[in-house]
Amino acid sequence: MIAHLDLSRINALCLEELQAAVAAVTASGRYLLGEATARFERQYADYIGTSHCVGCANGLDALTLIFRAYKEMGLMQEGDEVIVPANTYIATILAITENRLMPVLVEPSLDTLQIDDSLVERAITPRTKAVLIVHLYGRCAYTPLIGELCQHYGLRLVEDNAQAHGCLFQGKRTGSLSHAAAHSFYPTKNLGALGDAGAVTTDDEELASLLRSLSNYGSSRRYVFDHAGRNSRIDELQAAVLSVKLPYLDQWNNRRKQIASTYIDKVDNPLVNIPQSPRDSVYHLFPILSPRRDSLKAYLAQHGVQTDIHYPIPPHKQQCYSQWAHMQLPRTELIHQQELSLPCNPAMTTEEACHVASLINSYQ
């Protein structure tokens, strides 16, 4: 069986270091807001290329806290609009609606599967306050046009970098291309913890300070609460684990690129479309499109290859957003009907990737 993602196999690449880090935190007696957290925040800010990194409990909280902070700063208010790709995971939308802001869904390009920047300007209204781009599948969603539009209209640019740790755009890492960026360290991510964890990166000192307060009950010092905050903190164990894995991230991303290159070079089946892949993608996922997606998935499973679907139902068709069910977003719906993710991770071998490609080519 070729698993879509075998986390134990990936963690085995640095298992002794992980065990030592966990043992050190256990022995320290300090499990929250300690040196391991401070160390990882410094390391990750340096890696991303920002002045600040604020750890939090998970990627959804990271996004949610960014918009909450902008409301506290008076830069946004309830009912304001946030332009966001229609093709994304539900968490991206949840962060907007939880803050009583209005998502404005923009279709993706079928070539790249990222937000179509040519459609962004026509979505801007007097209520628009931000553009939230999502580096979905490990592909950079930023374009110079999006940056220019945000500057011209005075909009906040926010990144959802949950799937693109280490991705580059013209020498800068995703997570440093905006006013603020949210990161998820869910175990399946390119940089994954052993549980939930997240962070925000930014160069905005006021925002970073406010995020630290909001994520710690709204407190700036013990038992003094300036804001009605929440409990959303990265714990010492996860921070220590991430500090172990961070030095391996570029190496592991390069291995993902090698697996992806094998697929790109060897998959040759008219029933399968491989969307354009940016040169600097870090291949959190390797998505293909097929009009016979479900049949192909079953075929590969029968031959010992596990695949996944990201994602079978788009946000505007989910029950929790039933008020949008009438929306016609044909590109987004096509992607969600045809997308299939092939195994692509740093623990895979080239032989395994070649075998997957061969099976796809034999599918009729």
Protein backbone atom coordinates (compact mmCIF):
# COMPACT_ATOMS: atom_id res chain seq x y z
CA MET A 1 0.00 0.00 0.00
CA ILE A 2 1.25 3.46 -0.92
CA ALA A 3 -0.39 5.72 1.66
CA HIS A 4 -1.51 9.20 0.72
CA LEU A 5 0.32 10.40 3.82
CA ASP A 6 2.08 8.29 6.45
CA LEU A 7 2.91 10.63 9.33
CA SER A 8 4.82 8.02 11.30
CA ARG A 9 7.10 7.53 8.30
CA ILE A 10 7.71 11.26 8.02
CA ASN A 11 8.37 11.72 11.75
CA ALA A 12 10.78 8.79 11.62
CA LEU A 13 13.09 11.03 9.56
CA CYS A 14 13.96 12.93 12.77
CA LEU A 15 12.50 10.69 15.46
CA GLU A 16 15.37 10.75 17.95
CA GLU A 17 15.47 14.56 17.92
CA LEU A 18 11.70 14.71 18.41
CA GLN A 19 11.87 12.34 21.35
CA ALA A 20 14.67 14.34 22.95
CA ALA A 21 12.76 17.61 22.51
CA VAL A 22 9.60 16.19 24.05
CA ALA A 23 11.59 14.74 26.95
CA ALA A 24 13.27 18.10 27.59
CA VAL A 25 9.93 19.92 27.77
CA THR A 26 8.48 17.21 29.99
CA ALA A 27 11.40 17.54 32.39
CA SER A 28 11.26 21.35 32.40
CA GLY A 29 7.91 21.56 34.18
CA ARG A 30 6.94 24.53 31.96
CA TYR A 31 4.27 23.63 29.40
CA LEU A 32 2.83 26.97 28.24
CA LEU A 33 4.36 30.33 27.32
CA GLY A 34 7.90 29.19 28.06
CA GLU A 35 11.27 29.23 26.34
CA ALA A 36 10.35 26.59 23.73
CA THR A 37 7.54 28.81 22.46
CA ALA A 38 9.68 31.95 22.49
CA ARG A 39 12.48 30.12 20.66
CA PHE A 40 10.21 28.77 17.93
CA GLU A 41 8.56 32.15 17.41
CA ARG A 42 11.99 33.74 16.88
CA GLN A 43 13.11 30.95 14.55
CA TYR A 44 9.96 30.98 12.47
CA ALA A 45 9.88 34.77 12.14
CA ASP A 46 13.49 34.64 10.92
CA TYR A 47 12.65 31.84 8.49
CA ILE A 48 9.59 33.58 7.04
CA GLY A 49 11.31 36.96 6.98
CA THR A 50 9.06 39.00 9.27
CA SER A 51 9.67 40.98 12.43
CA HIS A 52 7.10 39.09 14.49
CA CYS A 53 5.66 35.61 14.92
CA VAL A 54 2.85 35.06 17.42
CA GLY A 55 2.03 31.43 18.22
CA CYS A 56 -1.55 30.33 18.75
CA ALA A 57 -3.60 27.16 19.07
CA ASN A 58 -4.28 26.40 15.40
CA GLY A 59 -4.51 27.84 11.91
CA LEU A 60 -8.20 28.78 12.14
CA ASP A 61 -7.52 30.77 15.30
CA ALA A 62 -4.60 32.48 13.57
CA LEU A 63 -6.86 33.76 10.79
CA THR A 64 -9.73 34.57 13.14
CA LEU A 65 -7.47 36.54 15.48
CA ILE A 66 -6.08 38.62 12.62
CA PHE A 67 -9.53 39.88 11.66
CA ARG A 68 -10.53 40.29 15.30
CA ALA A 69 -7.43 42.42 15.86
CA TYR A 70 -8.19 44.60 12.84
CA LYS A 71 -11.67 45.22 14.27
CA GLU A 72 -10.16 46.14 17.66
CA MET A 73 -7.78 48.53 15.86
CA GLY A 74 -10.71 50.24 14.14
CA LEU A 75 -9.62 49.15 10.68
CA MET A 76 -12.69 46.95 10.16
CA GLN A 77 -16.20 46.73 11.53
CA GLU A 78 -19.07 44.25 11.34
CA GLY A 79 -20.50 44.01 7.85
CA ASP A 80 -17.27 44.94 6.07
CA GLU A 81 -16.32 42.79 3.09
CA VAL A 82 -13.31 40.52 2.62
CA ILE A 83 -12.50 39.27 -0.87
CA VAL A 84 -11.55 35.59 -0.70
CA PRO A 85 -11.13 32.71 -3.17
CA ALA A 86 -14.21 30.54 -3.58
CA ASN A 87 -11.94 27.51 -3.95
CA THR A 88 -10.61 27.02 -0.44
CA TYR A 89 -10.99 25.00 2.73
CA ILE A 90 -13.89 25.96 5.00
CA ALA A 91 -11.59 27.40 7.70
CA THR A 92 -10.72 30.36 5.49
CA ILE A 93 -14.37 31.37 5.31
CA LEU A 94 -15.10 30.58 8.96
CA ALA A 95 -12.49 33.10 10.10
CA ILE A 96 -14.31 35.85 8.21
CA THR A 97 -17.87 35.03 9.25
CA GLU A 98 -16.91 34.43 12.90
CA ASN A 99 -15.92 38.10 12.98
CA ARG A 100 -19.27 39.07 11.41
CA LEU A 101 -17.50 40.19 8.25
CA MET A 102 -18.85 39.36 4.78
CA PRO A 103 -16.90 36.99 2.49
CA VAL A 104 -16.97 37.97 -1.18
CA LEU A 105 -16.21 34.80 -3.10
CA VAL A 106 -14.06 35.13 -6.21
CA GLU A 107 -13.59 32.31 -8.70
CA PRO A 108 -10.20 30.64 -9.24
CA SER A 109 -8.27 30.19 -12.45
CA LEU A 110 -8.64 26.64 -13.78
CA ASP A 111 -5.02 26.81 -14.92
CA THR A 112 -3.55 27.45 -11.46
CA LEU A 113 -6.47 26.61 -9.08
CA GLN A 114 -5.66 29.90 -7.27
CA ILE A 115 -7.79 33.05 -7.10
CA ASP A 116 -8.15 34.66 -10.53
CA ASP A 117 -6.54 38.06 -10.01
CA SER A 118 -8.30 39.45 -13.11
CA LEU A 119 -11.61 39.14 -11.22
CA VAL A 120 -10.51 40.83 -8.00
CA GLU A 121 -10.99 44.51 -8.90
CA ARG A 122 -14.59 44.08 -10.04
CA ALA A 123 -15.36 42.53 -6.62
CA ILE A 124 -14.19 45.65 -4.73
CA THR A 125 -16.94 47.84 -3.25
CA PRO A 126 -16.96 50.72 -0.75
CA ARG A 127 -17.37 48.08 2.01
CA THR A 128 -14.28 46.11 0.99
CA LYS A 129 -11.56 46.25 3.64
CA ALA A 130 -9.30 43.29 2.85
CA VAL A 131 -8.22 40.66 0.36
CA LEU A 132 -7.50 37.24 1.82
CA ILE A 133 -5.40 35.07 -0.47
CA VAL A 134 -4.96 31.34 0.13
CA HIS A 135 -1.80 29.54 -0.92
CA LEU A 136 -3.83 26.39 -1.55
CA TYR A 137 -2.07 23.07 -2.26
CA GLY A 138 1.30 24.72 -1.52
CA ARG A 139 1.08 27.08 -4.52
CA CYS A 140 1.69 30.81 -4.18
CA ALA A 141 -1.54 32.75 -4.73
CA TYR A 142 0.06 36.20 -4.58
CA THR A 143 0.40 38.17 -7.80
CA PRO A 144 1.77 41.69 -8.34
CA LEU A 145 -1.70 42.75 -9.55
CA ILE A 146 -3.26 41.76 -6.22
CA GLY A 147 -0.58 43.70 -4.36
CA GLU A 148 -1.15 46.77 -6.57
CA LEU A 149 -4.93 46.63 -6.09
CA CYS A 150 -4.58 46.44 -2.31
CA GLN A 151 -2.25 49.43 -2.31
CA HIS A 152 -4.43 51.45 -4.70
CA TYR A 153 -7.67 50.86 -2.77
CA GLY A 154 -6.11 50.95 0.70
CA LEU A 155 -6.99 47.34 1.51
CA ARG A 156 -5.40 44.99 4.04
CA LEU A 157 -3.75 42.00 2.36
CA VAL A 158 -3.91 38.84 4.45
CA GLU A 159 -2.40 35.44 3.63
CA ASP A 160 -3.71 32.02 4.55
CA ASN A 161 -0.38 30.20 4.51
CA ALA A 162 -1.63 26.98 6.10
CA GLN A 163 -0.50 24.85 3.17
CA ALA A 164 2.59 26.63 1.86
CA HIS A 165 5.34 26.74 4.49
CA GLY A 166 8.57 27.58 2.70
CA CYS A 167 7.00 28.62 -0.60
CA LEU A 168 8.74 31.51 -2.37
CA PHE A 169 7.64 34.43 -4.53
CA GLN A 170 10.54 36.28 -6.14
CA GLY A 171 12.83 35.34 -3.26
CA LYS A 172 10.37 36.18 -0.46
CA ARG A 173 8.53 33.53 1.50
CA THR A 174 4.79 33.31 1.58
CA GLY A 175 3.79 34.58 4.98
CA SER A 176 5.84 37.75 4.41
CA LEU A 177 4.02 39.10 1.35
CA SER A 178 1.16 40.79 3.20
CA HIS A 179 0.15 42.84 6.22
CA ALA A 180 -0.40 39.62 8.18
CA ALA A 181 -0.36 35.89 7.51
CA ALA A 182 -1.90 32.88 9.24
CA HIS A 183 -0.08 29.56 9.49
CA SER A 184 -1.33 26.12 10.49
CA PHE A 185 0.97 23.45 11.88
CA TYR A 186 -1.62 20.68 11.82
CA PRO A 187 0.27 17.35 11.65
CA THR A 188 -0.34 16.87 7.90
CA LYS A 189 1.19 20.22 6.92
CA ASN A 190 4.64 20.63 5.37
CA LEU A 191 5.75 21.84 8.79
CA GLY A 192 3.55 19.77 11.07
CA ALA A 193 3.34 19.51 14.85
CA LEU A 194 2.23 16.43 16.79
CA GLY A 195 -1.15 18.04 17.40
CA ASP A 196 -2.83 21.37 16.71
CA ALA A 197 -0.73 24.54 16.52
CA GLY A 198 -0.70 27.77 14.55
CA ALA A 199 0.90 31.20 14.26
CA VAL A 200 0.61 34.67 12.76
CA THR A 201 3.54 36.40 11.08
CA THR A 202 3.64 40.15 10.51
CA ASP A 203 5.88 43.21 10.42
CA ASP A 204 3.21 45.26 12.23
CA GLU A 205 4.33 45.68 15.84
CA GLU A 206 0.96 47.03 17.02
CA LEU A 207 -0.86 44.10 15.46
CA ALA A 208 1.56 41.56 16.95
CA SER A 209 1.16 43.03 20.43
CA LEU A 210 -2.62 42.99 20.15
CA LEU A 211 -2.59 39.39 18.87
CA ARG A 212 -0.56 38.29 21.90
CA SER A 213 -3.15 39.86 24.16
CA LEU A 214 -6.20 38.52 22.30
CA SER A 215 -4.80 34.99 22.24
CA ASN A 216 -4.20 35.08 26.01
CA TYR A 217 -7.69 36.00 27.26
CA GLY A 218 -7.17 39.63 26.26
CA SER A 219 -4.45 40.11 28.86
CA SER A 220 -1.32 42.19 28.41
CA ARG A 221 -0.14 41.47 31.95
CA ARG A 222 -1.30 38.99 34.55
CA TYR A 223 -4.89 39.44 35.72
CA VAL A 224 -5.30 42.66 33.70
CA PHE A 225 -7.64 42.27 30.71
CA ASP A 226 -7.73 45.04 28.13
CA HIS A 227 -9.83 43.05 25.66
CA ALA A 228 -12.41 40.26 25.77
CA GLY A 229 -9.98 37.73 24.34
CA ARG A 230 -9.80 33.98 24.04
CA ASN A 231 -7.52 31.13 25.06
CA SER A 232 -5.48 30.28 21.96
CA ARG A 233 -1.89 29.49 22.78
CA ILE A 234 0.67 27.17 21.25
CA ASP A 235 1.96 24.79 23.92
CA GLU A 236 5.59 24.12 24.74
CA LEU A 237 5.55 20.54 23.42
CA GLN A 238 4.32 21.58 19.98
CA ALA A 239 6.72 24.52 19.83
CA ALA A 240 9.64 22.23 20.67
CA VAL A 241 8.58 19.74 18.01
CA LEU A 242 8.33 22.50 15.40
CA SER A 243 11.81 23.79 16.30
CA VAL A 244 13.17 20.32 15.56
CA LYS A 245 11.40 20.08 12.22
CA LEU A 246 11.98 23.62 10.94
CA PRO A 247 15.64 23.05 9.88
CA TYR A 248 14.46 20.11 7.74
CA LEU A 249 11.65 22.01 6.02
CA ASP A 250 13.49 23.14 2.88
CA GLN A 251 15.01 19.69 2.43
CA TRP A 252 11.62 18.04 2.79
CA ASN A 253 10.03 20.55 0.42
CA ASN A 254 12.70 19.77 -2.17
CA ARG A 255 11.82 16.10 -1.85
CA ARG A 256 8.16 16.95 -2.45
CA LYS A 257 9.23 18.81 -5.60
CA GLN A 258 11.12 15.75 -6.82
CA ILE A 259 8.04 13.56 -6.35
CA ALA A 260 5.89 16.16 -8.12
CA SER A 261 8.37 16.36 -11.02
CA THR A 262 8.09 12.61 -11.44
CA TYR A 263 4.32 12.89 -11.79
CA ILE A 264 4.57 15.84 -14.18
CA ASP A 265 7.09 14.02 -16.37
CA LYS A 266 5.45 10.59 -16.37
CA VAL A 267 1.67 10.94 -16.08
CA ASP A 268 0.22 10.74 -19.59
CA ASN A 269 -3.48 9.97 -19.70
CA PRO A 270 -6.09 12.03 -21.60
CA LEU A 271 -8.51 11.50 -18.70
CA VAL A 272 -6.17 13.33 -16.33
CA ASN A 273 -5.30 17.02 -16.28
CA ILE A 274 -2.39 18.31 -14.21
CA PRO A 275 -2.99 22.04 -13.51
CA GLN A 276 -0.10 24.38 -14.10
CA SER A 277 2.36 24.22 -11.26
CA PRO A 278 4.27 27.35 -10.20
CA ARG A 279 8.01 26.81 -10.14
CA ASP A 280 8.21 27.55 -6.42
CA SER A 281 5.29 25.40 -5.27
CA VAL A 282 6.08 23.35 -2.17
CA TYR A 283 3.49 20.70 -3.07
CA HIS A 284 1.63 20.34 0.18
CA LEU A 285 -0.72 18.45 -2.12
CA PHE A 286 -0.42 17.25 -5.69
CA PRO A 287 -3.86 17.85 -7.22
CA ILE A 288 -4.99 16.42 -10.54
CA LEU A 289 -8.34 16.91 -12.25
CA SER A 290 -10.33 14.15 -13.90
CA PRO A 291 -13.95 14.00 -15.10
CA ARG A 292 -13.91 10.41 -13.84
CA ARG A 293 -12.35 11.27 -10.50
CA ASP A 294 -14.30 8.80 -8.36
CA SER A 295 -13.68 5.90 -10.73
CA LEU A 296 -9.97 6.72 -10.91
CA LYS A 297 -9.78 6.94 -7.13
CA ALA A 298 -11.38 3.50 -6.79
CA TYR A 299 -9.04 2.08 -9.45
CA LEU A 300 -5.94 3.32 -7.66
CA ALA A 301 -7.25 2.01 -4.32
CA GLN A 302 -7.77 -1.43 -5.86
CA HIS A 303 -4.11 -1.36 -6.87
CA GLY A 304 -2.82 -0.31 -3.46
CA VAL A 305 -2.57 3.46 -3.86
CA GLN A 306 -4.36 5.71 -1.39
CA THR A 307 -5.54 9.11 -2.64
CA ASP A 308 -7.65 11.90 -1.16
CA ILE A 309 -10.06 14.59 -2.33
CA HIS A 310 -9.45 18.26 -1.46
CA TYR A 311 -12.30 19.07 -1.20
CA PRO A 312 -15.51 17.27 -2.23
CA ILE A 313 -17.93 20.11 -1.31
CA PRO A 314 -17.05 23.81 -1.81
CA PRO A 315 -17.82 26.28 1.00
CA HIS A 316 -20.81 27.86 -0.75
CA LYS A 317 -22.51 24.44 -0.97
CA GLN A 318 -22.03 23.56 2.70
CA GLN A 319 -25.08 23.39 4.97
CA CYS A 320 -23.58 25.93 7.37
CA TYR A 321 -23.65 28.49 4.55
CA SER A 322 -26.97 27.48 3.04
CA GLN A 323 -27.75 31.14 2.32
CA TRP A 324 -25.19 30.92 -0.51
CA ALA A 325 -26.51 27.70 -2.07
CA HIS A 326 -27.99 29.66 -4.97
CA MET A 327 -24.59 31.04 -6.01
CA GLN A 328 -23.24 29.89 -9.36
CA LEU A 329 -19.49 29.40 -9.17
CA PRO A 330 -18.85 26.96 -12.04
CA ARG A 331 -15.05 26.93 -11.90
CA THR A 332 -15.00 26.26 -8.17
CA GLU A 333 -17.65 23.55 -8.52
CA LEU A 334 -15.75 21.89 -11.38
CA ILE A 335 -12.59 21.72 -9.27
CA HIS A 336 -14.43 20.21 -6.33
CA GLN A 337 -16.07 17.66 -8.63
CA GLN A 338 -12.83 16.60 -10.33
CA GLU A 339 -9.95 17.16 -7.89
CA LEU A 340 -7.93 14.15 -6.70
CA SER A 341 -4.76 14.42 -4.58
CA LEU A 342 -1.98 11.96 -5.30
CA PRO A 343 0.50 10.84 -2.63
CA CYS A 344 3.25 13.47 -2.37
CA ASN A 345 5.38 13.75 0.76
CA PRO A 346 9.06 13.70 1.79
CA ALA A 347 8.99 10.07 2.91
CA MET A 348 8.00 8.78 -0.54
CA THR A 349 10.46 7.16 -2.90
CA THR A 350 10.86 7.92 -6.59
CA GLU A 351 9.96 4.29 -7.30
CA GLU A 352 6.64 4.74 -5.52
CA ALA A 353 5.87 7.88 -7.53
CA CYS A 354 6.76 6.09 -10.78
CA HIS A 355 4.43 3.22 -9.81
CA VAL A 356 1.56 5.65 -9.16
CA ALA A 357 2.16 7.34 -12.52
CA SER A 358 2.22 3.98 -14.30
CA LEU A 359 -1.09 2.98 -12.75
CA ILE A 360 -2.69 6.27 -13.80
CA ASN A 361 -1.45 5.77 -17.35
CA SER A 362 -3.00 2.30 -17.44
CA TYR A 363 -6.40 3.58 -16.30
CA GLN A 364 -9.03 3.61 -19.05
